Protein backbone atom coordinates (compact mmCIF):
# COMPACT_ATOMS: atom_id res chain seq x y z
CA MET A 1 -11.90 11.54 -8.48
CA ILE A 2 -13.87 14.43 -9.99
CA ILE A 3 -16.21 14.58 -7.01
CA LEU A 4 -13.17 14.63 -4.70
CA LEU A 5 -11.65 17.52 -6.67
CA SER A 6 -14.92 19.48 -6.49
CA PHE A 7 -15.10 18.85 -2.75
CA VAL A 8 -11.49 19.99 -2.31
CA CYS A 9 -12.17 23.19 -4.32
CA ALA A 10 -15.27 23.94 -2.25
CA GLN A 11 -13.40 23.23 0.96
CA ALA A 12 -10.54 25.47 -0.16
CA THR A 13 -13.02 28.26 -0.98
CA ASP A 14 -14.67 27.96 2.45
CA ILE A 15 -11.28 27.92 4.16
CA GLU A 16 -10.15 30.99 2.22
CA TYR A 17 -13.37 32.85 3.07
CA SER A 18 -13.16 31.89 6.74
CA GLN A 19 -9.51 32.93 6.74
CA SER A 20 -10.41 36.36 5.30
CA LEU A 21 -13.12 36.66 7.96
CA GLN A 22 -10.63 35.84 10.70
CA ASN A 23 -8.10 38.30 9.28
CA ARG A 24 -10.70 41.08 9.24
CA TYR A 25 -11.82 40.32 12.76
CA SER A 26 -8.26 40.12 14.11
CA SER A 27 -7.29 43.37 12.33
CA CYS A 28 -10.39 45.07 13.79
CA LEU A 29 -9.48 43.91 17.27
CA ALA A 30 -5.83 44.85 16.82
CA SER A 31 -6.77 48.35 15.64
CA ARG A 32 -8.74 48.79 18.84
CA GLY A 33 -5.82 47.83 21.01
CA GLY A 34 -6.72 44.17 21.32
CA ALA A 35 -9.96 45.07 23.17
CA SER A 36 -7.92 45.98 26.19
CA THR A 37 -10.59 48.46 27.24
CA PHE A 38 -13.02 45.71 28.22
CA ASN A 39 -13.33 45.68 31.96
CA GLY A 40 -16.47 43.68 32.61
CA LYS A 41 -16.01 40.03 33.53
CA SER A 42 -18.54 38.86 30.92
CA SER A 43 -16.82 40.93 28.21
CA LYS A 44 -13.43 39.50 29.14
CA LYS A 45 -14.76 35.97 29.06
CA LYS A 46 -16.51 36.56 25.75
CA TYR A 47 -13.44 38.02 24.12
CA ARG A 48 -11.16 35.29 25.45
CA GLN A 49 -13.66 32.64 24.41
CA SER A 50 -13.88 34.18 20.94
CA LEU A 51 -10.08 34.07 20.59
CA GLU A 52 -9.98 30.45 21.77
CA ASP A 53 -12.83 29.57 19.41
CA GLN A 54 -10.98 31.19 16.54
CA ILE A 55 -7.80 29.25 17.39
CA VAL A 56 -9.72 25.96 17.62
CA PHE A 57 -11.47 26.74 14.33
CA LEU A 58 -8.13 27.45 12.66
CA GLU A 59 -6.68 24.20 14.06
CA GLN A 60 -9.65 22.27 12.68
CA GLN A 61 -9.26 23.93 9.29
CA LEU A 62 -5.52 23.20 9.37
CA ARG A 63 -6.18 19.55 10.19
CA GLN A 64 -8.68 19.32 7.36
CA VAL A 65 -6.18 20.89 4.97
CA VAL A 66 -3.45 18.45 6.07
CA GLU A 67 -5.81 15.47 5.69
CA GLU A 68 -6.94 16.62 2.26
CA LYS A 69 -3.32 17.15 1.28
CA GLN A 70 -2.39 13.61 2.37
CA LYS A 71 -5.38 12.20 0.50
CA LEU A 72 -4.43 14.12 -2.62
CA LYS A 73 -0.81 12.96 -2.33
CA LEU A 74 -1.91 9.32 -2.03
CA LEU A 75 -4.30 9.76 -4.94
CA TYR A 76 -1.55 11.42 -6.98
CA LYS A 77 0.83 8.51 -6.25
CA HIS A 78 -1.89 6.01 -7.14
CA ARG A 79 -2.65 7.82 -10.39
CA THR A 80 1.06 8.07 -11.24
CA SER A 81 1.64 4.35 -10.59
CA SER A 82 -1.46 3.35 -12.56
CA ARG A 83 -0.36 5.63 -15.37
CA GLY A 84 3.10 3.99 -15.37
CA ASN A 85 1.49 0.55 -15.50
CA GLN A 86 -0.73 1.63 -18.37
CA GLN A 87 2.31 2.92 -20.26
CA GLU A 88 4.17 -0.37 -19.68
CA LYS A 89 1.18 -2.42 -20.89
CA GLN A 90 0.69 -1.14 -24.44
CA PRO A 91 -2.53 -2.32 -26.13
CA GLU A 92 -2.24 -5.05 -28.75
CA VAL A 93 -5.30 -4.02 -30.76
CA SER A 94 -5.06 -0.87 -32.89
CA SER A 95 -8.71 0.04 -32.32
CA SER A 96 -8.08 0.67 -28.59
CA SER A 97 -5.31 3.25 -29.24
CA SER A 98 -7.74 6.19 -29.51
CA SER A 99 -9.49 5.36 -26.20
CA GLY A 100 -6.08 4.91 -24.51
CA SER A 101 -4.90 8.33 -25.73
CA THR A 102 -8.10 10.04 -24.49
CA SER A 103 -7.83 8.32 -21.11
CA SER A 104 -4.15 9.34 -20.83
CA ILE A 105 -5.07 12.96 -21.64
CA ALA A 106 -7.84 12.87 -19.02
CA VAL A 107 -5.44 11.37 -16.45
CA GLU A 108 -2.86 14.04 -17.32
CA SER A 109 -5.40 16.83 -16.81
CA GLU A 110 -6.54 15.29 -13.52
CA LEU A 111 -2.92 15.06 -12.35
CA GLN A 112 -2.35 18.71 -13.22
CA ASP A 113 -5.52 19.65 -11.32
CA LEU A 114 -4.30 17.62 -8.36
CA GLN A 115 -0.93 19.38 -8.39
CA THR A 116 -2.65 22.78 -8.55
CA SER A 117 -4.96 21.83 -5.66
CA LEU A 118 -1.98 20.60 -3.66
CA SER A 119 -0.11 23.88 -4.15
CA GLN A 120 -3.23 25.87 -3.21
CA LEU A 121 -3.77 23.75 -0.11
CA GLU A 122 -0.13 24.17 0.87
CA ALA A 123 -0.42 27.96 0.56
CA GLN A 124 -3.65 27.93 2.55
CA ARG A 125 -2.01 25.76 5.19
CA ARG A 126 0.83 28.27 5.54
CA ASP A 127 -1.68 31.13 5.74
CA LEU A 128 -3.67 29.29 8.40
CA ILE A 129 -0.53 28.62 10.43
CA ARG A 130 0.42 32.30 10.14
CA THR A 131 -3.09 33.35 11.19
CA LYS A 132 -2.99 30.94 14.11
CA ARG A 133 0.32 32.38 15.26
CA ASP A 134 -1.07 35.91 14.96
CA LEU A 135 -4.12 34.93 17.01
CA GLU A 136 -1.96 33.31 19.66
CA ARG A 137 0.23 36.42 19.79
CA LEU A 138 -2.91 38.56 19.97
CA LYS A 139 -4.23 36.37 22.77
CA THR A 140 -0.95 36.75 24.67
CA GLU A 141 -0.99 40.53 24.23
CA TYR A 142 -4.61 40.65 25.29
CA GLN A 143 -3.82 38.57 28.35
CA SER A 144 -0.96 40.87 29.35
CA LYS A 145 -3.02 44.01 28.75
CA LEU A 146 -5.93 42.46 30.59
CA GLU A 147 -3.71 41.72 33.56
CA THR A 148 -2.40 45.29 33.65
CA LEU A 149 -5.90 46.68 33.27
CA GLN A 150 -7.14 44.34 35.98
CA LYS A 151 -4.43 45.59 38.29
CA LYS A 152 -5.39 49.20 37.54
CA TYR A 153 -9.04 48.38 38.03
CA ASP A 154 -8.33 46.64 41.33
CA ALA A 155 -6.31 49.64 42.50
CA SER A 156 -9.05 52.09 41.47
CA LEU A 157 -11.67 49.85 43.06
CA LEU A 158 -9.68 49.78 46.27
CA ASP A 159 -9.43 53.58 46.22
CA HIS A 160 -13.13 53.80 45.52
CA GLN A 161 -13.94 51.48 48.39
CA THR A 162 -11.65 53.43 50.71
CA THR A 163 -13.22 56.75 49.72
CA GLU A 164 -16.71 55.32 50.05
CA HIS A 165 -15.85 53.96 53.48
CA ASN A 166 -14.53 57.34 54.56
CA TYR A 167 -17.67 59.06 53.28
CA GLN A 168 -19.80 56.49 55.03
CA THR A 169 -18.03 57.02 58.33
CA GLN A 170 -18.35 60.79 57.96
CA LEU A 171 -22.04 60.37 57.13
CA GLU A 172 -22.56 58.18 60.16
CA LEU A 173 -20.81 60.72 62.37
CA LEU A 174 -22.97 63.53 60.97
CA GLU A 175 -26.13 61.50 61.47
CA GLN A 176 -25.04 60.70 65.02
CA GLN A 177 -24.47 64.38 65.68
CA LEU A 178 -27.86 65.21 64.20
CA LEU A 179 -29.54 62.61 66.35
CA GLU A 180 -27.84 63.95 69.44
CA GLN A 181 -28.83 67.50 68.55
CA ASP A 182 -32.42 66.38 67.89
CA ALA A 183 -32.53 64.61 71.24
CA ASP A 184 -31.24 67.70 73.01
CA ARG A 185 -33.72 69.97 71.27
CA ASP A 186 -36.83 67.86 71.67
CA ASP A 187 -37.93 69.69 74.82
CA ALA A 188 -37.15 73.24 73.68
CA SER A 189 -37.86 73.66 69.98
CA SER A 190 -38.23 76.99 68.24
CA PRO A 191 -38.71 78.11 64.63
CA TYR A 192 -35.14 79.27 64.51
CA GLU A 193 -33.84 75.86 65.55
CA GLU A 194 -36.03 74.09 63.01
CA GLU A 195 -34.71 76.43 60.39
CA SER A 196 -31.12 75.74 61.38
CA HIS A 197 -31.87 72.04 61.42
CA LEU A 198 -33.22 72.14 57.86
CA LEU A 199 -30.24 74.18 56.76
CA LEU A 200 -27.91 71.62 58.27
CA LYS A 201 -29.69 68.79 56.44
CA GLN A 202 -29.42 70.69 53.18
CA ARG A 203 -25.73 71.25 53.72
CA ILE A 204 -25.23 67.58 54.50
CA GLN A 205 -27.13 66.59 51.35
CA GLN A 206 -25.12 69.06 49.30
CA ALA A 207 -21.91 67.68 50.77
CA GLN A 208 -22.97 64.13 49.86
CA ASP A 209 -23.93 65.15 46.33
CA GLN A 210 -20.69 67.07 45.93
CA ALA A 211 -18.71 64.07 47.19
CA ILE A 212 -20.45 61.78 44.72
CA VAL A 213 -19.89 64.24 41.87
CA ASP A 214 -16.23 64.64 42.84
CA PHE A 215 -15.83 60.89 42.97
CA TRP A 216 -17.32 60.34 39.53
CA ASN A 217 -15.31 63.26 38.12
CA GLN A 218 -12.18 61.71 39.52
CA GLN A 219 -13.13 58.36 38.03
CA GLN A 220 -13.84 59.94 34.68
CA GLN A 221 -10.51 61.76 34.75
CA GLU A 222 -8.75 58.48 35.56
CA GLY A 223 -10.67 56.60 32.80
CA GLY A 224 -13.35 55.20 35.02
CA MET A 225 -16.28 52.90 34.68
CA ALA A 226 -18.62 55.15 32.71
CA GLN A 227 -16.17 55.70 29.90
CA LEU A 228 -15.28 52.03 29.88
CA GLU A 229 -18.94 51.07 29.84
CA ARG A 230 -19.71 53.45 27.00
CA LEU A 231 -16.70 52.24 25.06
CA ARG A 232 -17.63 48.63 25.68
CA HIS A 233 -21.20 49.29 24.60
CA SER A 234 -20.09 51.05 21.41
CA MET A 235 -17.62 48.26 20.58
CA GLU A 236 -20.27 45.63 21.19
CA GLN A 237 -22.62 47.45 18.84
CA GLN A 238 -19.93 47.79 16.18
CA HIS A 239 -18.95 44.16 16.62
CA HIS A 240 -22.59 43.10 16.34
CA GLN A 241 -22.99 45.16 13.16
CA GLN A 242 -19.82 43.66 11.70
CA LEU A 243 -21.01 40.18 12.58
CA GLN A 244 -24.32 40.90 10.87
CA GLN A 245 -22.53 42.18 7.77
CA GLU A 246 -20.15 39.22 7.75
CA ARG A 247 -23.07 36.86 8.23
CA GLN A 248 -24.86 38.39 5.26
CA ARG A 249 -21.70 38.21 3.17
CA THR A 250 -21.20 34.62 4.28
CA GLN A 251 -24.75 33.71 3.30
CA GLN A 252 -24.30 35.39 -0.08
CA ALA A 253 -20.97 33.64 -0.62
CA LEU A 254 -22.48 30.33 0.44
CA GLN A 255 -25.37 30.83 -1.96
CA LYS A 256 -22.94 31.59 -4.78
CA GLN A 257 -20.86 28.60 -3.75
CA ARG A 258 -23.96 26.40 -3.72
CA ASP A 259 -24.88 27.60 -7.20
CA LYS A 260 -21.35 26.94 -8.39
CA MET A 261 -21.38 23.53 -6.75
CA ARG A 262 -24.72 22.67 -8.37
CA ALA A 263 -23.41 23.66 -11.80
CA LEU A 264 -20.16 21.84 -11.14
CA ALA A 265 -22.05 18.78 -9.90
CA LYS A 266 -24.14 18.74 -13.07
CA ALA A 267 -21.04 19.04 -15.23
CA MET A 268 -19.26 16.40 -13.18
CA ALA A 269 -22.27 14.09 -13.37
CA GLN A 270 -22.35 14.46 -17.15
CA ARG A 271 -18.63 13.87 -17.34
CA GLU A 272 -18.94 10.90 -15.00
CA HIS A 273 -21.69 9.51 -17.21
CA ASP A 274 -19.50 9.93 -20.29
CA LEU A 275 -16.61 8.27 -18.52
CA GLN A 276 -18.84 5.40 -17.43
CA MET A 277 -20.07 4.94 -21.00
CA GLN A 278 -16.48 4.95 -22.26
CA GLU A 279 -15.49 2.52 -19.55
CA ARG A 280 -18.40 0.22 -20.42
CA ALA A 281 -17.46 0.34 -24.10
CA ALA A 282 -13.84 -0.39 -23.22
CA LYS A 283 -14.91 -3.27 -20.95
CA LYS A 284 -17.19 -4.65 -23.66
CA GLN A 285 -14.41 -4.45 -26.23
CA ALA A 286 -11.95 -6.04 -23.80
CA LEU A 287 -14.47 -8.81 -23.06
CA GLN A 288 -14.96 -9.43 -26.77
CA GLU A 289 -11.20 -9.55 -27.32
CA GLU A 290 -10.84 -11.89 -24.38
CA GLN A 291 -13.55 -14.17 -25.81
CA GLU A 292 -11.82 -14.17 -29.19
CA LYS A 293 -8.52 -14.98 -27.51
CA LEU A 294 -10.23 -17.73 -25.53
CA ILE A 295 -11.76 -19.22 -28.69
CA LEU A 296 -8.39 -19.05 -30.45
CA THR A 297 -6.69 -20.62 -27.44
CA GLU A 298 -9.26 -23.42 -27.32
CA ALA A 299 -8.76 -24.07 -31.05
CA GLN A 300 -4.99 -24.18 -30.57
CA GLU A 301 -5.36 -26.50 -27.60
CA GLU A 302 -7.71 -28.78 -29.59
CA GLU A 303 -5.25 -28.83 -32.47
CA GLU A 304 -2.39 -29.63 -30.12
CA ARG A 305 -4.50 -32.33 -28.47
CA GLN A 306 -5.31 -33.93 -31.84
CA LYS A 307 -1.65 -33.70 -32.77
CA ARG A 308 -0.64 -35.37 -29.50
CA ILE A 309 -3.26 -38.09 -30.09
CA LEU A 310 -1.87 -38.71 -33.60
CA ASP A 311 1.67 -38.78 -32.23
CA LEU A 312 0.62 -41.24 -29.54
CA GLN A 313 -1.14 -43.42 -32.10
CA GLU A 314 1.93 -43.31 -34.35
CA LYS A 315 4.18 -44.19 -31.42
CA ALA A 316 1.84 -47.02 -30.40
CA LYS A 317 1.88 -48.32 -33.99
CA GLN A 318 5.67 -48.15 -34.08
CA GLN A 319 5.89 -49.91 -30.73
CA MET A 320 3.50 -52.60 -32.00
CA GLU A 321 5.62 -53.07 -35.13
CA GLU A 322 8.79 -53.19 -33.06
CA ARG A 323 7.13 -55.68 -30.73
CA ASN A 324 6.10 -57.85 -33.70
CA LYS A 325 9.60 -57.58 -35.14
CA LEU A 326 11.04 -58.53 -31.79
CA LYS A 327 8.68 -61.49 -31.58
CA GLU A 328 9.71 -62.54 -35.10
CA GLN A 329 13.37 -62.17 -34.18
CA GLN A 330 12.84 -64.14 -31.00
CA LYS A 331 10.98 -66.80 -32.96
CA LYS A 332 13.75 -66.94 -35.56
CA GLN A 333 16.36 -67.01 -32.82
CA VAL A 334 14.53 -69.87 -31.10
CA GLU A 335 14.30 -71.73 -34.41
CA GLU A 336 17.97 -71.02 -35.10
CA GLU A 337 18.91 -72.24 -31.65
CA GLU A 338 16.77 -75.32 -32.16
CA ARG A 339 18.41 -75.95 -35.54
CA LEU A 340 21.87 -75.41 -34.06
CA ARG A 341 20.95 -77.73 -31.23
CA ARG A 342 19.82 -80.36 -33.69
CA ASP A 343 22.96 -79.86 -35.79
CA ASP A 344 25.13 -80.06 -32.73
CA LYS A 345 23.32 -83.16 -31.62
CA SER A 346 23.67 -84.74 -35.03
CA LYS A 347 27.33 -83.74 -35.17
CA ARG A 348 27.87 -85.15 -31.71
CA GLU A 349 26.14 -88.38 -32.66
CA LYS A 350 28.13 -88.54 -35.88
CA ALA A 351 31.36 -87.81 -33.98
CA ASP A 352 30.48 -90.48 -31.46
CA SER A 353 29.83 -92.95 -34.24
CA ASN A 354 33.05 -91.92 -35.97
CA ASN A 355 34.93 -92.25 -32.72
CA THR A 356 33.49 -95.64 -32.15
CA ALA A 357 34.44 -96.68 -35.68
CA THR A 358 37.89 -95.18 -35.29
CA LYS A 359 38.41 -96.99 -32.04
CA SER A 360 37.29 -100.22 -33.57
CA LYS A 361 39.55 -99.65 -36.57
CA ALA A 362 42.48 -98.69 -34.34
CA SER A 363 42.00 -101.71 -32.18
CA SER A 364 41.71 -103.95 -35.19
CA LEU A 365 44.75 -102.28 -36.71
CA TRP A 366 46.61 -102.70 -33.47
CA ASN A 367 45.63 -106.25 -33.26
CA ARG A 368 46.82 -106.74 -36.82
CA LEU A 369 50.06 -104.75 -36.55
CA VAL A 370 51.33 -106.19 -33.31
CA PRO A 371 51.72 -109.71 -34.62
CA GLN A 372 53.23 -108.35 -37.81
CA ALA A 373 55.77 -106.29 -35.86
CA LEU A 374 56.60 -109.21 -33.69
CA GLN A 375 57.03 -111.36 -36.69
CA ALA A 376 59.23 -108.76 -38.38
CA ASN A 377 61.35 -108.41 -35.34
CA ARG A 378 61.74 -112.12 -35.14
CA GLN A 379 62.70 -112.13 -38.74
CA VAL A 380 65.29 -109.38 -38.21
CA ASP A 381 66.73 -111.20 -35.27
CA THR A 382 66.88 -114.39 -37.25
CA GLY A 383 68.20 -112.63 -40.32
CA GLY A 384 64.98 -112.75 -42.15
CA SER A 385 63.17 -110.10 -44.16
CA THR A 386 64.02 -106.43 -43.59
CA LYS A 387 60.70 -105.08 -44.83
CA PRO A 388 59.41 -102.32 -42.54
CA PRO A 389 56.12 -102.84 -40.83
CA ARG A 390 52.99 -101.26 -42.22
CA GLN A 391 52.07 -97.95 -40.74
CA PRO A 392 48.58 -96.54 -40.48
CA SER A 393 47.69 -94.40 -43.44
CA ILE A 394 47.65 -90.61 -43.31
CA GLU A 395 43.92 -90.60 -43.80
CA TYR A 396 43.61 -92.12 -40.39
CA TRP A 397 45.32 -89.19 -38.79
CA GLN A 398 43.29 -86.73 -40.88
CA ARG A 399 40.02 -88.35 -39.92
CA ARG A 400 40.94 -88.33 -36.30
CA VAL A 401 38.76 -86.00 -34.17
CA PRO A 402 40.83 -83.32 -32.38
CA TRP A 403 39.61 -84.25 -28.97
CA GLN A 404 40.19 -87.93 -29.63
CA PRO A 405 43.33 -89.17 -27.77
CA ILE A 406 46.27 -90.45 -29.78
CA PHE A 407 47.07 -94.06 -29.16
CA LEU A 408 50.63 -94.69 -30.29
CA PRO A 409 52.23 -98.14 -30.27
CA PRO A 410 55.22 -98.83 -28.03
CA ASN A 411 58.67 -97.71 -29.16
CA THR A 412 59.68 -101.21 -29.60
CA VAL A 413 56.91 -101.77 -32.05
CA VAL A 414 56.93 -98.52 -34.05
CA GLN A 415 59.63 -98.42 -36.63
CA VAL A 416 59.03 -95.93 -39.33
CA THR A 417 62.29 -96.33 -41.20
CA PRO A 418 64.56 -99.26 -41.09
CA LYS A 419 67.72 -99.06 -39.14
CA LYS A 420 70.84 -98.69 -41.17
């Protein structure tokens, strides 16, 4: 993070210096009329190329500024989110409160630096956009002025070519006349003719020189090539001197920037070393706390495991006791059922024996009572004794088993009370 901030500061310084250089150069060109006085093709190409190079350079710087701004925004968001997470997760140990406060202060200062760098980069981006627009406007003005100047130059060149053609035709006519005169005078030559011939040549030469002088005077009056050439040469010299001065200033600024960057790198390296030491100490302390927590957790788990083992043993013991109790109950129940079965069997055998005895007694009683009843009836019919017949005792009916059927004598035999 610190290295990124130093790089952003250095980049911002370089951008600002290059921007000042471009502003100076554009103001110099604007003060000279946008270099509209350049007429040579090479000068036009150089100037146009320089403007295009400056625009491309500004676009590159603008792209770099936008990229750095996006990186700083992402880093700012990341720092803000991490800071929020750190505030949500408060430390449990009191000894780590001091390191947390120092780290929060450092993060706060870094966030403030990031915000300052972002504002500076935004201002530089606006300045670069403004400079780019000025350069584009200057390029447009230069193009329009160059077109007008090219038209003027083409017109003056056409006039120059026309005048030169006229002079050439006149010169050819004069030479033709001279040749004809020389041919006519070859046979009869005299000193006077030679003299006149030389005078004619001198006049022709003077006329040519005067025509050339008049032409160049006219061109100079119209702002011709010589003035343009001198102006171009002077501007090239001034531009070269300014470039030399700017180059020297750039080298000096770069040297100062390198010195600053070295000092800043040393300070940042020391700070980075301190931060690494603090981070190592914090990691060591966190590792120690984690080990202590792990030991405590293992002890708690061992205690819970022992407790679960004891609970399982207790439950197994209770289940064993319940199983033994259930076995005892089942054994007692089986014994009780066996005893009840034996009692029931004995009762059944006793009831069967009692039933058999009762049946035998009833049959014997029946066999005994029937003759007595018959005899009593015979006695009643014959006027004999009126004594009622003997009835079975009440104990017989009490001893009778409930399920045993009742065998009653016929109505003719049973007579409980005598008839009156």
